[in-house]
């Protein structure tokens, strides 16, 4: 429910069925749970849902999350919380087409299972942090941001990356 309040769910969301009801969070719009393991949240998909505001650090408490898609929410601003690195099970991270700013947190380098990171078309700046521990990373899209500097040797796991934008 924190995500709901911090991103304007009560006023702005296009779809918010199940939130603020007695229903279990696994029945909320955009939430998928693993049914075989005590209804643990495995996926959050709120793409193009008119989210606004900023992401809270509590998002990192979803440590079993495998898929996070908050893309195409142009009113979503602020920084990517460093606590996203606590999502040890994360395989896909979709935060493209928002208005996220600041820098890419260097803590993302601890997401060892991640295969797909899309941060395209935000307002991210600074230089690319080392992502050399992301041995499973196949796709990294950072295009249409304001990143600067050089990509130094060893900063990316070159053996696994299939696409780099």
Protein backbone atom coordinates (compact mmCIF):
# COMPACT_ATOMS: atom_id res chain seq x y z
CA UNK A 1 0.00 0.00 0.00
CA UNK A 2 3.00 2.32 0.50
CA UNK A 3 3.68 2.23 -3.25
CA UNK A 4 0.04 3.13 -3.84
CA UNK A 5 0.19 6.22 -1.61
CA UNK A 6 3.70 7.38 -2.59
CA UNK A 7 2.85 7.35 -6.30
CA UNK A 8 -0.55 9.04 -6.18
CA UNK A 9 -2.75 5.95 -6.37
CA UNK A 10 -5.73 7.56 -4.69
CA UNK A 11 -5.84 10.44 -7.20
CA UNK A 12 -3.97 9.50 -10.33
CA UNK A 13 -3.72 5.80 -11.05
CA UNK A 14 -5.56 4.59 -14.14
CA UNK A 15 -6.29 1.21 -12.54
CA UNK A 16 -6.20 0.48 -8.80
CA UNK A 17 -8.58 -2.41 -8.20
CA UNK A 18 -8.03 -4.20 -4.92
CA UNK A 19 -5.96 -1.51 -3.22
CA UNK A 20 -7.32 -0.16 0.07
CA UNK A 21 -9.67 -3.12 0.44
CA UNK A 22 -9.59 -6.19 2.63
CA UNK A 23 -8.38 -8.22 -0.35
CA UNK A 24 -4.96 -9.88 -0.07
CA UNK A 25 -2.25 -7.98 -1.96
CA UNK A 26 -1.91 -10.91 -4.35
CA UNK A 27 -5.30 -9.95 -5.82
CA UNK A 28 -4.39 -6.29 -6.32
CA UNK A 29 -4.05 -4.91 -9.84
CA UNK A 30 -0.51 -5.37 -11.18
CA UNK A 31 0.64 -7.74 -8.43
CA UNK A 32 1.53 -11.37 -9.10
CA UNK A 33 2.37 -13.79 -6.32
CA UNK A 34 3.93 -17.22 -6.17
CA UNK A 35 1.03 -19.44 -5.19
CA UNK A 36 3.21 -22.33 -4.12
CA UNK A 37 5.14 -20.38 -1.50
CA UNK A 38 2.92 -18.52 0.95
CA UNK A 39 1.75 -15.91 -1.56
CA UNK A 40 5.08 -14.11 -1.81
CA UNK A 41 4.98 -11.15 -4.24
CA UNK A 42 7.04 -12.13 -7.31
CA UNK A 43 6.05 -9.43 -9.82
CA UNK A 44 4.85 -5.84 -9.83
CA UNK A 45 3.66 -4.57 -13.21
CA UNK A 46 2.18 -1.08 -13.10
CA UNK A 47 3.31 0.07 -16.53
CA UNK A 48 1.39 2.99 -18.06
CA UNK A 49 -0.74 3.41 -14.94
CA UNK A 50 -0.22 7.16 -14.38
CA UNK A 51 1.99 6.76 -11.32
CA UNK A 52 3.41 10.01 -9.96
CA UNK A 53 5.58 11.10 -7.08
CA UNK A 54 8.73 9.22 -6.17
CA UNK A 55 9.79 5.70 -5.34
CA UNK A 56 10.21 4.93 -1.65
CA UNK A 57 13.13 3.05 -0.15
CA UNK A 58 10.64 0.50 1.23
CA UNK A 59 10.39 -0.89 -2.30
CA UNK A 60 13.58 -2.76 -1.43
CA UNK A 61 11.69 -4.81 1.14
CA UNK A 62 10.28 -6.90 -1.72
CA UNK A 63 13.39 -9.08 -1.62
CA UNK A 64 11.70 -12.02 -3.40
CA UNK A 65 10.56 -9.85 -6.32
CA UNK A 66 11.66 -11.18 -9.71
CA UNK A 67 10.00 -8.66 -12.04
CA UNK A 68 9.46 -4.93 -11.53
CA UNK A 69 7.85 -2.82 -14.25
CA UNK A 70 6.97 0.77 -13.42
CA UNK A 71 7.69 2.02 -16.93
CA UNK A 72 5.79 4.62 -18.95
CA UNK A 73 4.64 6.65 -15.95
CA UNK A 74 5.81 10.12 -16.95
CA UNK A 75 4.90 11.66 -13.57
CA UNK A 76 7.20 9.26 -11.68
CA UNK A 77 10.14 11.39 -10.52
CA UNK A 78 13.03 11.36 -8.08
CA UNK A 79 15.89 8.97 -7.72
CA UNK A 80 16.11 5.21 -7.99
CA UNK A 81 16.30 4.12 -4.34
CA UNK A 82 19.53 2.34 -3.45
CA UNK A 83 17.36 -0.18 -1.58
CA UNK A 84 16.35 -1.67 -4.95
CA UNK A 85 19.61 -3.59 -4.48
CA UNK A 86 17.88 -5.55 -1.68
CA UNK A 87 15.72 -7.27 -4.30
CA UNK A 88 18.10 -10.23 -4.52
CA UNK A 89 15.77 -12.27 -6.74
CA UNK A 90 15.21 -9.53 -9.34
CA UNK A 91 15.58 -10.73 -12.93
CA UNK A 92 13.97 -7.83 -14.84
CA UNK A 93 13.90 -4.13 -13.97
CA UNK A 94 11.81 -1.83 -16.20
CA UNK A 95 11.90 1.84 -15.23
CA UNK A 96 11.96 3.35 -18.71
CA UNK A 97 9.91 6.35 -19.89
CA UNK A 98 9.65 8.07 -16.51
CA UNK A 99 11.19 11.26 -15.13
CA UNK A 100 13.64 9.58 -12.75
CA UNK A 101 16.69 11.71 -12.07
CA UNK A 102 19.93 11.79 -10.10
CA UNK A 103 22.47 9.02 -10.73
CA UNK A 104 22.26 5.28 -11.27
CA UNK A 105 22.88 3.74 -7.84
CA UNK A 106 26.12 1.78 -7.66
CA UNK A 107 24.30 -0.69 -5.41
CA UNK A 108 22.61 -2.17 -8.51
CA UNK A 109 25.86 -4.12 -8.92
CA UNK A 110 24.67 -6.51 -6.22
CA UNK A 111 21.66 -7.77 -8.26
CA UNK A 112 23.43 -10.96 -9.31
CA UNK A 113 20.38 -12.65 -10.88
CA UNK A 114 19.32 -9.72 -13.04
CA UNK A 115 19.18 -10.27 -16.81
CA UNK A 116 17.38 -7.15 -18.03
CA UNK A 117 17.71 -3.50 -16.99
CA UNK A 118 15.85 -0.79 -18.89
CA UNK A 119 16.30 2.77 -17.63
CA UNK A 120 15.82 4.38 -21.06
CA UNK A 121 14.33 7.86 -21.44
CA UNK A 122 14.62 9.31 -17.95
CA UNK A 123 16.67 12.24 -16.67
CA UNK A 124 19.48 10.18 -15.16
CA UNK A 125 22.87 11.87 -15.05
CA UNK A 126 26.41 11.25 -13.89
CA UNK A 127 28.57 8.38 -14.98
CA UNK A 128 27.82 4.69 -15.28
CA UNK A 129 28.66 2.86 -12.05
CA UNK A 130 30.43 -0.46 -12.18
CA UNK A 131 28.04 -3.30 -12.99
CA UNK A 132 30.80 -5.88 -13.30
CA UNK A 133 29.15 -8.32 -10.85
CA UNK A 134 26.02 -8.68 -12.99
CA UNK A 135 27.22 -11.86 -14.70
CA UNK A 136 23.70 -12.76 -15.93
CA UNK A 137 22.98 -9.34 -17.45
CA UNK A 138 21.93 -9.68 -21.09
CA UNK A 139 20.24 -6.33 -21.84
CA UNK A 140 21.18 -2.92 -20.51
CA UNK A 141 19.34 0.08 -21.99
CA UNK A 142 20.42 3.46 -20.65
CA UNK A 143 19.71 5.43 -23.83
CA UNK A 144 18.05 8.86 -23.83
CA UNK A 145 19.43 9.97 -20.47
CA UNK A 146 22.10 12.52 -19.57
CA UNK A 147 24.89 10.14 -18.64
CA UNK A 148 28.44 11.24 -19.25
CA UNK A 149 31.95 9.93 -19.03
CA UNK A 150 33.61 6.90 -20.53
CA UNK A 151 32.74 3.27 -20.11
CA UNK A 152 35.94 1.98 -18.59
CA UNK A 153 37.22 -1.56 -19.22
CA UNK A 154 35.85 -4.00 -16.66
CA UNK A 155 32.84 -1.85 -15.72
CA UNK A 156 30.42 -4.24 -17.49
CA UNK A 157 30.26 -8.05 -17.63
CA UNK A 158 31.01 -8.27 -21.36
CA UNK A 159 30.56 -12.04 -21.66
CA UNK A 160 26.84 -12.00 -20.88
CA UNK A 161 25.59 -8.76 -22.49
CA UNK A 162 23.67 -9.30 -25.71
CA UNK A 163 22.34 -5.74 -26.11
CA UNK A 164 23.75 -2.46 -24.82
CA UNK A 165 22.05 0.87 -25.62
